[in-house]
Amino acid sequence: MVEFQSFNRRSFIRKMTALSALFAFGSYTNKVEANAKREVKITILHTNDVHSRIEPFPMDGSKVQGLGGVARRSTLIQSIRQEEKNVLLLDAGDMFQGTPYFNLFDGRVELELMSKLGYDAGTFGNHEFDNGISGILKHFDRANFPFITSNYDFSDTALAGKTKEYLTFIKDGVKIGLFGLGVDVNGLVDPKNYVGMHYLDPLEVATRLTDKLKNELRCDLIICLSHLGYAYKDDTISDLKLAANTKDIDLIIGGHTHTFLDKPTEVKNLEGKITLVNQAGFGGANLGRIDFIFNRATKSQRTVFNNYTISSAIDQQVVA
């Protein structure tokens, strides 16, 4: 895991660019920048399980003490956007529940702040259902970004037509397909809080949608926003199992298990190709980052990663 170090305003952009080059996999390279004539870089930023953590964690001796905070995350995201042309900001669920902000304002604060940060898409976690479907809808119009809930069928609920099965984006000629998978809420959520919602098998949904996104819609990059969980000891479907039992998914952005990863996990899919699985812990303590660099001529790609720790060093560079 890469942590920020104290530095002043003038050196911030330069040092953050250097940070993003510290780790690489696939075809290893220390050079993060894409060749302007031959390559396109797509920067994926992501969060999961923020759990209404608007302010940094308290200094209570925990491993995340003093980390996180929406203001710091905003500063980092803005700086990356100044450096990078093609950025997507995504969330893998459980934005609600965990601090008094949710108890007092029923999700309005979270949705408004995510909108101000410029999220491009999100998916639902189990805690989005804590106040029922009516609770999701209470401030739903505060979100100026879409939610993708591919295996939650809301057609018999008041949420019908308000979420997406999948989305596509085009960035500098690269077509990106997104779909979202949620955990089975049976046993996690009070049944009255999801009446009318039908849970669809995530593996079947993933297989169908990746085929559509790859072969029908001709996506160059396919991303799954998952709130299934990183891994389990039993046969419960997880991100690792999903990656191994599908094809054509380039990246699974995970959530639910609050897993801190120093680097994405590489999983061989059904065709023996690599699917990346990444997760950024919880509470906004980290911001995940994956850069996909596409070669226009050869159609090949290389990938660079960096999971940022959101620390007080960001505050220091703001006031420097």
C-alpha atoms as a PDB file:
ATOM      1  CA  MET A   1       0.000   0.000   0.000  1.00  0.00           C
ATOM      2  CA  VAL A   2       1.312   3.441  -0.909  1.00  0.00           C
ATOM      3  CA  GLU A   3       0.899   6.215   1.644  1.00  0.00           C
ATOM      4  CA  PHE A   4       1.169   9.910   1.020  1.00  0.00           C
ATOM      5  CA  GLN A   5       4.175  11.684   2.462  1.00  0.00           C
ATOM      6  CA  SER A   6       4.293  15.314   3.507  1.00  0.00           C
ATOM      7  CA  PHE A   7       5.008  17.641   0.617  1.00  0.00           C
ATOM      8  CA  ASN A   8       4.171  21.153  -0.508  1.00  0.00           C
ATOM      9  CA  ARG A   9       1.721  22.353  -3.112  1.00  0.00           C
ATOM     10  CA  ARG A  10       4.240  22.757  -5.918  1.00  0.00           C
ATOM     11  CA  SER A  11       5.576  19.231  -5.593  1.00  0.00           C
ATOM     12  CA  PHE A  12       2.190  17.570  -5.060  1.00  0.00           C
ATOM     13  CA  ILE A  13       1.298  16.837  -8.668  1.00  0.00           C
ATOM     14  CA  ARG A  14       4.812  15.697  -9.532  1.00  0.00           C
ATOM     15  CA  LYS A  15       5.060  13.360  -6.554  1.00  0.00           C
ATOM     16  CA  MET A  16       1.567  11.927  -7.044  1.00  0.00           C
ATOM     17  CA  THR A  17       2.460  11.051 -10.620  1.00  0.00           C
ATOM     18  CA  ALA A  18       5.553   9.296  -9.327  1.00  0.00           C
ATOM     19  CA  LEU A  19       3.501   7.414  -6.746  1.00  0.00           C
ATOM     20  CA  SER A  20       1.281   5.950  -9.436  1.00  0.00           C
ATOM     21  CA  ALA A  21       4.317   4.430 -11.105  1.00  0.00           C
ATOM     22  CA  LEU A  22       5.566   2.513  -8.078  1.00  0.00           C
ATOM     23  CA  PHE A  23       3.741  -0.705  -8.896  1.00  0.00           C
ATOM     24  CA  ALA A  24       2.852  -2.431 -12.147  1.00  0.00           C
ATOM     25  CA  PHE A  25       1.893  -5.886 -13.354  1.00  0.00           C
ATOM     26  CA  GLY A  26       1.433  -7.618 -16.671  1.00  0.00           C
ATOM     27  CA  SER A  27       4.084  -6.005 -18.842  1.00  0.00           C
ATOM     28  CA  TYR A  28       5.991  -4.206 -16.111  1.00  0.00           C
ATOM     29  CA  THR A  29       6.806  -0.593 -16.788  1.00  0.00           C
ATOM     30  CA  ASN A  30       7.932   2.349 -14.708  1.00  0.00           C
ATOM     31  CA  LYS A  31       6.473   4.737 -17.253  1.00  0.00           C
ATOM     32  CA  VAL A  32       2.830   5.506 -16.528  1.00  0.00           C
ATOM     33  CA  GLU A  33       2.208   8.048 -19.270  1.00  0.00           C
ATOM     34  CA  ALA A  34       0.619   6.823 -22.488  1.00  0.00           C
ATOM     35  CA  ASN A  35       2.196   7.609 -25.834  1.00  0.00           C
ATOM     36  CA  ALA A  36      -0.096  10.325 -27.164  1.00  0.00           C
ATOM     37  CA  LYS A  37       0.036   9.080 -30.749  1.00  0.00           C
ATOM     38  CA  ARG A  38      -0.319   5.361 -30.186  1.00  0.00           C
ATOM     39  CA  GLU A  39      -1.905   4.833 -26.771  1.00  0.00           C
ATOM     40  CA  VAL A  40      -4.923   5.797 -24.708  1.00  0.00           C
ATOM     41  CA  LYS A  41      -4.895   5.700 -20.908  1.00  0.00           C
ATOM     42  CA  ILE A  42      -8.116   5.059 -18.985  1.00  0.00           C
ATOM     43  CA  THR A  43      -7.880   5.847 -15.261  1.00  0.00           C
ATOM     44  CA  ILE A  44     -10.329   4.033 -12.995  1.00  0.00           C
ATOM     45  CA  LEU A  45     -10.751   5.459  -9.470  1.00  0.00           C
ATOM     46  CA  HIS A  46     -12.937   3.600  -7.017  1.00  0.00           C
ATOM     47  CA  THR A  47     -14.322   3.354  -3.486  1.00  0.00           C
ATOM     48  CA  ASN A  48     -16.428   0.818  -1.615  1.00  0.00           C
ATOM     49  CA  ASP A  49     -18.086   0.503   1.791  1.00  0.00           C
ATOM     50  CA  VAL A  50     -17.644   4.177   2.638  1.00  0.00           C
ATOM     51  CA  HIS A  51     -20.469   3.747   5.190  1.00  0.00           C
ATOM     52  CA  SER A  52     -21.380   7.411   5.649  1.00  0.00           C
ATOM     53  CA  ARG A  53     -17.842   8.229   6.763  1.00  0.00           C
ATOM     54  CA  ILE A  54     -17.873  11.923   5.854  1.00  0.00           C
ATOM     55  CA  GLU A  55     -15.095  12.978   8.228  1.00  0.00           C
ATOM     56  CA  PRO A  56     -11.789  11.189   8.897  1.00  0.00           C
ATOM     57  CA  PHE A  57     -11.766   8.279  11.315  1.00  0.00           C
ATOM     58  CA  PRO A  58     -11.214   9.299  14.946  1.00  0.00           C
ATOM     59  CA  MET A  59      -7.824   8.856  16.588  1.00  0.00           C
ATOM     60  CA  ASP A  60      -8.875   5.766  18.517  1.00  0.00           C
ATOM     61  CA  GLY A  61      -5.922   3.463  18.005  1.00  0.00           C
ATOM     62  CA  SER A  62      -7.459   1.491  15.153  1.00  0.00           C
ATOM     63  CA  LYS A  63      -5.552   0.727  11.968  1.00  0.00           C
ATOM     64  CA  VAL A  64      -7.591   3.373  10.119  1.00  0.00           C
ATOM     65  CA  GLN A  65      -7.339   6.113  12.753  1.00  0.00           C
ATOM     66  CA  GLY A  66      -7.100   9.569  11.201  1.00  0.00           C
ATOM     67  CA  LEU A  67      -7.607   8.255   7.673  1.00  0.00           C
ATOM     68  CA  GLY A  68     -10.278   9.124   5.130  1.00  0.00           C
ATOM     69  CA  GLY A  69     -12.591  12.107   4.884  1.00  0.00           C
ATOM     70  CA  VAL A  70     -14.567  13.350   1.899  1.00  0.00           C
ATOM     71  CA  ALA A  71     -12.687  16.661   1.681  1.00  0.00           C
ATOM     72  CA  ARG A  72      -9.337  14.878   1.358  1.00  0.00           C
ATOM     73  CA  ARG A  73     -10.731  12.433  -1.179  1.00  0.00           C
ATOM     74  CA  SER A  74     -12.057  15.348  -3.200  1.00  0.00           C
ATOM     75  CA  THR A  75      -8.623  17.012  -3.195  1.00  0.00           C
ATOM     76  CA  LEU A  76      -6.942  13.838  -4.417  1.00  0.00           C
ATOM     77  CA  ILE A  77      -9.552  13.158  -7.100  1.00  0.00           C
ATOM     78  CA  GLN A  78      -9.372  16.716  -8.413  1.00  0.00           C
ATOM     79  CA  SER A  79      -5.593  16.492  -8.618  1.00  0.00           C
ATOM     80  CA  ILE A  80      -5.749  13.225 -10.558  1.00  0.00           C
ATOM     81  CA  ARG A  81      -8.317  14.694 -12.939  1.00  0.00           C
ATOM     82  CA  GLN A  82      -5.998  17.609 -13.611  1.00  0.00           C
ATOM     83  CA  GLU A  83      -3.299  15.135 -14.623  1.00  0.00           C
ATOM     84  CA  GLU A  84      -5.368  12.557 -16.486  1.00  0.00           C
ATOM     85  CA  LYS A  85      -7.655  12.990 -19.484  1.00  0.00           C
ATOM     86  CA  ASN A  86      -9.899   9.934 -19.184  1.00  0.00           C
ATOM     87  CA  VAL A  87     -11.053   9.296 -15.613  1.00  0.00           C
ATOM     88  CA  LEU A  88     -13.971   7.246 -14.303  1.00  0.00           C
ATOM     89  CA  LEU A  89     -14.917   7.412 -10.598  1.00  0.00           C
ATOM     90  CA  LEU A  90     -16.919   4.408  -9.397  1.00  0.00           C
ATOM     91  CA  ASP A  91     -18.357   3.048  -6.137  1.00  0.00           C
ATOM     92  CA  ALA A  92     -19.055  -0.591  -5.244  1.00  0.00           C
ATOM     93  CA  GLY A  93     -21.806  -0.117  -2.672  1.00  0.00           C
ATOM     94  CA  ASP A  94     -22.593   0.409   1.013  1.00  0.00           C
ATOM     95  CA  MET A  95     -22.366   4.172   0.810  1.00  0.00           C
ATOM     96  CA  PHE A  96     -25.023   4.307   3.591  1.00  0.00           C
ATOM     97  CA  GLN A  97     -25.001   3.499   7.321  1.00  0.00           C
ATOM     98  CA  GLY A  98     -22.212   3.776   9.847  1.00  0.00           C
ATOM     99  CA  THR A  99     -22.189   7.331  11.225  1.00  0.00           C
ATOM    100  CA  PRO A 100     -24.801   9.789  12.559  1.00  0.00           C
ATOM    101  CA  TYR A 101     -24.876  11.498   9.168  1.00  0.00           C
ATOM    102  CA  PHE A 102     -26.992   8.638   7.865  1.00  0.00           C
ATOM    103  CA  ASN A 103     -29.158   8.423  10.985  1.00  0.00           C
ATOM    104  CA  LEU A 104     -29.922  12.146  10.853  1.00  0.00           C
ATOM    105  CA  PHE A 105     -30.213  12.785   7.116  1.00  0.00           C
ATOM    106  CA  ASP A 106     -31.270   9.394   5.659  1.00  0.00           C
ATOM    107  CA  GLY A 107     -28.647   9.306   2.911  1.00  0.00           C
ATOM    108  CA  ARG A 108     -29.060  12.817   1.538  1.00  0.00           C
ATOM    109  CA  VAL A 109     -25.578  13.925   2.611  1.00  0.00           C
ATOM    110  CA  GLU A 110     -23.895  10.887   1.061  1.00  0.00           C
ATOM    111  CA  LEU A 111     -25.640  11.263  -2.292  1.00  0.00           C
ATOM    112  CA  GLU A 112     -25.046  14.998  -2.495  1.00  0.00           C
ATOM    113  CA  LEU A 113     -21.357  14.661  -1.682  1.00  0.00           C
ATOM    114  CA  MET A 114     -20.854  11.807  -4.146  1.00  0.00           C
ATOM    115  CA  SER A 115     -22.491  13.997  -6.781  1.00  0.00           C
ATOM    116  CA  LYS A 116     -20.173  16.896  -5.939  1.00  0.00           C
ATOM    117  CA  LEU A 117     -17.185  14.562  -6.206  1.00  0.00           C
ATOM    118  CA  GLY A 118     -18.331  13.646  -9.701  1.00  0.00           C
ATOM    119  CA  TYR A 119     -18.976   9.921  -9.387  1.00  0.00           C
ATOM    120  CA  ASP A 120     -19.745   8.363 -12.763  1.00  0.00           C
ATOM    121  CA  ALA A 121     -21.627   5.318 -11.444  1.00  0.00           C
ATOM    122  CA  GLY A 122     -22.259   3.194  -8.366  1.00  0.00           C
ATOM    123  CA  THR A 123     -23.975   0.008  -7.323  1.00  0.00           C
ATOM    124  CA  PHE A 124     -26.016  -0.998  -4.258  1.00  0.00           C
ATOM    125  CA  GLY A 125     -24.719  -2.805  -1.208  1.00  0.00           C
ATOM    126  CA  ASN A 126     -26.902  -4.480   1.414  1.00  0.00           C
ATOM    127  CA  HIS A 127     -26.889  -1.380   3.635  1.00  0.00           C
ATOM    128  CA  GLU A 128     -28.593   0.671   0.937  1.00  0.00           C
ATOM    129  CA  PHE A 129     -31.725  -1.263   2.003  1.00  0.00           C
ATOM    130  CA  ASP A 130     -31.497  -0.332   5.703  1.00  0.00           C
ATOM    131  CA  ASN A 131     -34.420   2.101   5.414  1.00  0.00           C
ATOM    132  CA  GLY A 132     -36.216   0.027   2.803  1.00  0.00           C
ATOM    133  CA  ILE A 133     -36.827   0.774  -0.849  1.00  0.00           C
ATOM    134  CA  SER A 134     -38.719   3.903   0.155  1.00  0.00           C
ATOM    135  CA  GLY A 135     -35.578   4.972   2.033  1.00  0.00           C
ATOM    136  CA  ILE A 136     -33.476   4.553  -1.109  1.00  0.00           C
ATOM    137  CA  LEU A 137     -35.947   6.719  -3.006  1.00  0.00           C
ATOM    138  CA  LYS A 138     -36.241   9.405  -0.334  1.00  0.00           C
ATOM    139  CA  HIS A 139     -33.249  11.380  -1.626  1.00  0.00           C
ATOM    140  CA  PHE A 140     -32.576   9.467  -4.839  1.00  0.00           C
ATOM    141  CA  ASP A 141     -32.914  12.608  -6.922  1.00  0.00           C
ATOM    142  CA  ARG A 142     -29.882  14.048  -5.095  1.00  0.00           C
ATOM    143  CA  ALA A 143     -27.651  11.678  -7.060  1.00  0.00           C
ATOM    144  CA  ASN A 144     -26.661  13.086 -10.448  1.00  0.00           C
ATOM    145  CA  PHE A 145     -25.007   9.783 -11.390  1.00  0.00           C
ATOM    146  CA  PRO A 146     -26.557   6.375 -12.225  1.00  0.00           C
ATOM    147  CA  PHE A 147     -26.719   3.200 -10.163  1.00  0.00           C
ATOM    148  CA  ILE A 148     -26.167  -0.152 -11.857  1.00  0.00           C
ATOM    149  CA  THR A 149     -27.975  -3.087 -10.195  1.00  0.00           C
ATOM    150  CA  SER A 150     -27.738  -5.906 -12.723  1.00  0.00           C
ATOM    151  CA  ASN A 151     -28.847  -8.807 -10.525  1.00  0.00           C
ATOM    152  CA  TYR A 152     -31.397  -6.887  -8.438  1.00  0.00           C
ATOM    153  CA  ASP A 153     -34.683  -6.954 -10.349  1.00  0.00           C
ATOM    154  CA  PHE A 154     -36.715  -3.975  -9.141  1.00  0.00           C
ATOM    155  CA  SER A 155     -39.454  -4.247 -11.778  1.00  0.00           C
ATOM    156  CA  ASP A 156     -42.105  -5.005  -9.120  1.00  0.00           C
ATOM    157  CA  THR A 157     -41.052  -2.165  -6.823  1.00  0.00           C
ATOM    158  CA  ALA A 158     -41.112   1.619  -6.717  1.00  0.00           C
ATOM    159  CA  LEU A 159     -37.504   1.541  -7.976  1.00  0.00           C
ATOM    160  CA  ALA A 160     -38.604   0.119 -11.341  1.00  0.00           C
ATOM    161  CA  GLY A 161     -36.777   1.865 -14.156  1.00  0.00           C
ATOM    162  CA  LYS A 162     -34.655   4.002 -11.822  1.00  0.00           C
ATOM    163  CA  THR A 163     -31.482   1.896 -11.934  1.00  0.00           C
ATOM    164  CA  LYS A 164     -29.525   0.504 -14.881  1.00  0.00           C
ATOM    165  CA  GLU A 165     -28.726  -3.074 -15.865  1.00  0.00           C
ATOM    166  CA  TYR A 166     -25.493  -1.941 -17.508  1.00  0.00           C
ATOM    167  CA  LEU A 167     -23.840   1.220 -18.839  1.00  0.00           C
ATOM    168  CA  THR A 168     -21.290   2.075 -21.487  1.00  0.00           C
ATOM    169  CA  PHE A 169     -18.888   5.009 -21.643  1.00  0.00           C
ATOM    170  CA  ILE A 170     -16.617   6.101 -24.473  1.00  0.00           C
ATOM    171  CA  LYS A 171     -13.351   7.744 -23.444  1.00  0.00           C
ATOM    172  CA  ASP A 172     -10.993   8.870 -26.210  1.00  0.00           C
ATOM    173  CA  GLY A 173     -12.312   6.172 -28.523  1.00  0.00           C
ATOM    174  CA  VAL A 174     -12.167   3.384 -25.919  1.00  0.00           C
ATOM    175  CA  LYS A 175     -15.559   1.834 -25.148  1.00  0.00           C
ATOM    176  CA  ILE A 176     -16.041   0.809 -21.516  1.00  0.00           C
ATOM    177  CA  GLY A 177     -18.856  -1.443 -20.320  1.00  0.00           C
ATOM    178  CA  LEU A 178     -20.040  -1.553 -16.699  1.00  0.00           C
ATOM    179  CA  PHE A 179     -22.399  -3.857 -14.856  1.00  0.00           C
ATOM    180  CA  GLY A 180     -23.094  -4.283 -11.145  1.00  0.00           C
ATOM    181  CA  LEU A 181     -23.652  -7.296  -8.897  1.00  0.00           C
ATOM    182  CA  GLY A 182     -25.083  -7.209  -5.383  1.00  0.00           C
ATOM    183  CA  VAL A 183     -24.885  -9.680  -2.530  1.00  0.00           C
ATOM    184  CA  ASP A 184     -27.885 -11.852  -1.671  1.00  0.00           C
ATOM    185  CA  VAL A 185     -29.657  -9.743   0.947  1.00  0.00           C
ATOM    186  CA  ASN A 186     -31.569 -12.704   2.370  1.00  0.00           C
ATOM    187  CA  GLY A 187     -30.412 -12.972   5.981  1.00  0.00           C
ATOM    188  CA  LEU A 188     -28.636  -9.625   5.818  1.00  0.00           C
ATOM    189  CA  VAL A 189     -31.601  -7.298   5.461  1.00  0.00           C
ATOM    190  CA  ASP A 190     -35.061  -7.283   7.036  1.00  0.00           C
ATOM    191  CA  PRO A 191     -37.332  -8.888   4.375  1.00  0.00           C
ATOM    192  CA  LYS A 192     -39.815  -6.036   4.579  1.00  0.00           C
ATOM    193  CA  ASN A 193     -37.091  -3.683   3.386  1.00  0.00           C
ATOM    194  CA  TYR A 194     -36.817  -5.288  -0.058  1.00  0.00           C
ATOM    195  CA  VAL A 195     -40.353  -6.530  -0.749  1.00  0.00           C
ATOM    196  CA  GLY A 196     -40.862  -7.077  -4.486  1.00  0.00           C
ATOM    197  CA  MET A 197     -37.158  -7.134  -5.340  1.00  0.00           C
ATOM    198  CA  HIS A 198     -36.058 -10.343  -7.059  1.00  0.00           C
ATOM    199  CA  TYR A 199     -32.483 -11.556  -6.599  1.00  0.00           C
ATOM    200  CA  LEU A 200     -30.941 -12.977  -9.764  1.00  0.00           C
ATOM    201  CA  ASP A 201     -28.023 -15.418  -9.860  1.00  0.00           C
ATOM    202  CA  PRO A 202     -24.909 -13.244 -10.171  1.00  0.00           C
ATOM    203  CA  LEU A 203     -22.923 -15.755 -12.223  1.00  0.00           C
ATOM    204  CA  GLU A 204     -25.720 -16.150 -14.764  1.00  0.00           C
ATOM    205  CA  VAL A 205     -26.185 -12.385 -14.985  1.00  0.00           C
ATOM    206  CA  ALA A 206     -22.447 -11.803 -15.370  1.00  0.00           C
ATOM    207  CA  THR A 207     -22.186 -14.408 -18.129  1.00  0.00           C
ATOM    208  CA  ARG A 208     -25.087 -12.891 -20.066  1.00  0.00           C
ATOM    209  CA  LEU A 209     -23.983  -9.281 -19.704  1.00  0.00           C
ATOM    210  CA  THR A 210     -20.306  -9.815 -20.468  1.00  0.00           C
ATOM    211  CA  ASP A 211     -21.317 -11.579 -23.675  1.00  0.00           C
ATOM    212  CA  LYS A 212     -23.561  -8.645 -24.577  1.00  0.00           C
ATOM    213  CA  LEU A 213     -20.987  -6.006 -23.695  1.00  0.00           C
ATOM    214  CA  LYS A 214     -18.104  -7.781 -25.450  1.00  0.00           C
ATOM    215  CA  ASN A 215     -19.693  -9.260 -28.547  1.00  0.00           C
ATOM    216  CA  GLU A 216     -22.777  -7.157 -29.232  1.00  0.00           C
ATOM    217  CA  LEU A 217     -21.721  -3.738 -27.935  1.00  0.00           C
ATOM    218  CA  ARG A 218     -18.017  -4.225 -28.764  1.00  0.00           C
ATOM    219  CA  CYS A 219     -16.615  -2.900 -25.495  1.00  0.00           C
ATOM    220  CA  ASP A 220     -12.849  -2.663 -25.203  1.00  0.00           C
ATOM    221  CA  LEU A 221     -12.887  -2.760 -21.399  1.00  0.00           C
ATOM    222  CA  ILE A 222     -15.447  -4.489 -19.149  1.00  0.00           C
ATOM    223  CA  ILE A 223     -15.751  -3.628 -15.455  1.00  0.00           C
ATOM    224  CA  CYS A 224     -17.937  -5.241 -12.813  1.00  0.00           C
ATOM    225  CA  LEU A 225     -18.929  -3.222  -9.752  1.00  0.00           C
ATOM    226  CA  SER A 226     -19.375  -5.988  -7.205  1.00  0.00           C
ATOM    227  CA  HIS A 227     -20.766  -6.045  -3.695  1.00  0.00           C
ATOM    228  CA  LEU A 228     -20.464  -9.836  -3.487  1.00  0.00           C
ATOM    229  CA  GLY A 229     -17.382  -9.932  -1.258  1.00  0.00           C
ATOM    230  CA  TYR A 230     -13.754 -10.749  -1.998  1.00  0.00           C
ATOM    231  CA  ALA A 231     -13.610 -14.438  -0.925  1.00  0.00           C
ATOM    232  CA  TYR A 232     -15.297 -16.962   1.382  1.00  0.00           C
ATOM    233  CA  LYS A 233     -14.348 -20.335   2.843  1.00  0.00           C
ATOM    234  CA  ASP A 234     -17.575 -21.945   1.588  1.00  0.00           C
ATOM    235  CA  ASP A 235     -19.145 -22.031  -1.887  1.00  0.00           C
ATOM    236  CA  THR A 236     -20.731 -18.583  -1.599  1.00  0.00           C
ATOM    237  CA  ILE A 237     -20.190 -16.629  -4.801  1.00  0.00           C
ATOM    238  CA  SER A 238     -17.391 -14.104  -4.356  1.00  0.00           C
ATOM    239  CA  ASP A 239     -15.299 -11.837  -6.532  1.00  0.00           C
ATOM    240  CA  LEU A 240     -12.593 -14.482  -6.850  1.00  0.00           C
ATOM    241  CA  LYS A 241     -15.111 -17.167  -7.846  1.00  0.00           C
ATOM    242  CA  LEU A 242     -16.805 -14.787 -10.258  1.00  0.00           C
ATOM    243  CA  ALA A 243     -13.498 -13.979 -11.929  1.00  0.00           C
ATOM    244  CA  ALA A 244     -12.548 -17.656 -12.287  1.00  0.00           C
ATOM    245  CA  ASN A 245     -15.912 -18.719 -13.713  1.00  0.00           C
ATOM    246  CA  THR A 246     -16.459 -16.023 -16.335  1.00  0.00           C
ATOM    247  CA  LYS A 247     -14.599 -14.543 -19.289  1.00  0.00           C
ATOM    248  CA  ASP A 248     -14.081 -11.064 -20.741  1.00  0.00           C
ATOM    249  CA  ILE A 249     -14.240  -9.206 -17.402  1.00  0.00           C
ATOM    250  CA  ASP A 250     -11.126  -7.050 -17.204  1.00  0.00           C
ATOM    251  CA  LEU A 251     -11.664  -5.646 -13.707  1.00  0.00           C
ATOM    252  CA  ILE A 252     -13.864  -6.480 -10.726  1.00  0.00           C
ATOM    253  CA  ILE A 253     -14.132  -3.590  -8.267  1.00  0.00           C
ATOM    254  CA  GLY A 254     -15.226  -5.251  -5.057  1.00  0.00           C
ATOM    255  CA  GLY A 255     -16.883  -4.436  -1.784  1.00  0.00           C
ATOM    256  CA  HIS A 256     -18.801  -5.933   1.173  1.00  0.00           C
ATOM    257  CA  THR A 257     -15.900  -7.727   2.910  1.00  0.00           C
ATOM    258  CA  HIS A 258     -13.955  -4.511   3.694  1.00  0.00           C
ATOM    259  CA  THR A 259     -10.823  -6.050   2.204  1.00  0.00           C
ATOM    260  CA  PHE A 260      -7.644  -3.965   2.082  1.00  0.00           C
ATOM    261  CA  LEU A 261      -5.487  -4.997  -0.871  1.00  0.00           C
ATOM    262  CA  ASP A 262      -1.953  -3.763  -1.481  1.00  0.00           C
ATOM    263  CA  LYS A 263      -2.441  -4.610  -5.137  1.00  0.00           C
ATOM    264  CA  PRO A 264      -5.165  -6.158  -7.297  1.00  0.00           C
ATOM    265  CA  THR A 265      -5.462  -9.934  -7.282  1.00  0.00           C
ATOM    266  CA  GLU A 266      -4.859 -11.603 -10.636  1.00  0.00           C
ATOM    267  CA  VAL A 267      -7.295 -14.443 -11.355  1.00  0.00           C
ATOM    268  CA  LYS A 268      -7.248 -16.680 -14.433  1.00  0.00           C
ATOM    269  CA  ASN A 269     -10.672 -16.717 -16.063  1.00  0.00           C
ATOM    270  CA  LEU A 270     -12.313 -19.488 -18.082  1.00  0.00           C
ATOM    271  CA  GLU A 271     -10.095 -18.691 -21.059  1.00  0.00           C
ATOM    272  CA  GLY A 272      -6.895 -18.533 -19.022  1.00  0.00           C
ATOM    273  CA  LYS A 273      -6.730 -14.752 -19.276  1.00  0.00           C
ATOM    274  CA  ILE A 274      -6.294 -12.444 -16.298  1.00  0.00           C
ATOM    275  CA  THR A 275      -9.200 -10.758 -14.531  1.00  0.00           C
ATOM    276  CA  LEU A 276      -8.157  -8.206 -11.935  1.00  0.00           C
ATOM    277  CA  VAL A 277      -9.939  -8.001  -8.579  1.00  0.00           C
ATOM    278  CA  ASN A 278      -9.432  -4.917  -6.445  1.00  0.00           C
ATOM    279  CA  GLN A 279     -10.976  -3.537  -3.259  1.00  0.00           C
ATOM    280  CA  ALA A 280     -10.225  -0.409  -1.213  1.00  0.00           C
ATOM    281  CA  GLY A 281     -11.001  -1.427   2.369  1.00  0.00           C
ATOM    282  CA  PHE A 282     -13.787   0.616   3.940  1.00  0.00           C
ATOM    283  CA  GLY A 283     -14.756   4.000   5.257  1.00  0.00           C
ATOM    284  CA  GLY A 284     -13.007   5.905   2.477  1.00  0.00           C
ATOM    285  CA  ALA A 285      -9.609   5.223   4.067  1.00  0.00           C
ATOM    286  CA  ASN A 286      -8.279   4.325   0.622  1.00  0.00           C
ATOM    287  CA  LEU A 287      -8.940   5.319  -2.959  1.00  0.00           C
ATOM    288  CA  GLY A 288      -8.343   2.574  -5.483  1.00  0.00           C
ATOM    289  CA  ARG A 289      -6.750   3.318  -8.834  1.00  0.00           C
ATOM    290  CA  ILE A 290      -6.208   1.183 -11.932  1.00  0.00           C
ATOM    291  CA  ASP A 291      -4.817   2.589 -15.193  1.00  0.00           C
ATOM    292  CA  PHE A 292      -5.498   0.680 -18.427  1.00  0.00           C
ATOM    293  CA  ILE A 293      -3.231   1.774 -21.270  1.00  0.00           C
ATOM    294  CA  PHE A 294      -4.442   0.712 -24.711  1.00  0.00           C
ATOM    295  CA  ASN A 295      -2.256   0.535 -27.810  1.00  0.00           C
ATOM    296  CA  ARG A 296      -4.346   1.719 -30.763  1.00  0.00           C
ATOM    297  CA  ALA A 297      -2.295  -0.168 -33.356  1.00  0.00           C
ATOM    298  CA  THR A 298      -1.779  -3.553 -31.702  1.00  0.00           C
ATOM    299  CA  LYS A 299      -4.988  -3.512 -29.595  1.00  0.00           C
ATOM    300  CA  SER A 300      -2.879  -4.690 -26.653  1.00  0.00           C
ATOM    301  CA  GLN A 301      -3.043  -3.207 -23.175  1.00  0.00           C
ATOM    302  CA  ARG A 302      -0.885  -2.782 -20.115  1.00  0.00           C
ATOM    303  CA  THR A 303      -2.026  -1.953 -16.632  1.00  0.00           C
ATOM    304  CA  VAL A 304      -0.673   0.090 -13.734  1.00  0.00           C
ATOM    305  CA  PHE A 305      -2.189   0.229 -10.268  1.00  0.00           C
ATOM    306  CA  ASN A 306      -2.018   2.244  -7.085  1.00  0.00           C
ATOM    307  CA  ASN A 307      -4.261   2.162  -4.012  1.00  0.00           C
ATOM    308  CA  TYR A 308      -3.880   5.547  -2.307  1.00  0.00           C
ATOM    309  CA  THR A 309      -4.128   5.963   1.460  1.00  0.00           C
ATOM    310  CA  ILE A 310      -6.203   9.047   2.309  1.00  0.00           C
ATOM    311  CA  SER A 311      -4.132  10.621   5.084  1.00  0.00           C
ATOM    312  CA  SER A 312      -3.510  14.002   6.705  1.00  0.00           C
ATOM    313  CA  ALA A 313      -0.712  14.678   4.211  1.00  0.00           C
ATOM    314  CA  ILE A 314      -3.426  15.793   1.792  1.00  0.00           C
ATOM    315  CA  ASP A 315      -4.488  18.473   4.286  1.00  0.00           C
ATOM    316  CA  GLN A 316      -0.883  19.618   4.510  1.00  0.00           C
ATOM    317  CA  GLN A 317      -0.515  20.090   0.767  1.00  0.00           C
ATOM    318  CA  VAL A 318      -3.745  22.154   0.639  1.00  0.00           C
ATOM    319  CA  VAL A 319      -2.492  24.711   3.159  1.00  0.00           C
ATOM    320  CA  ALA A 320       1.163  24.676   2.039  1.00  0.00           C
END
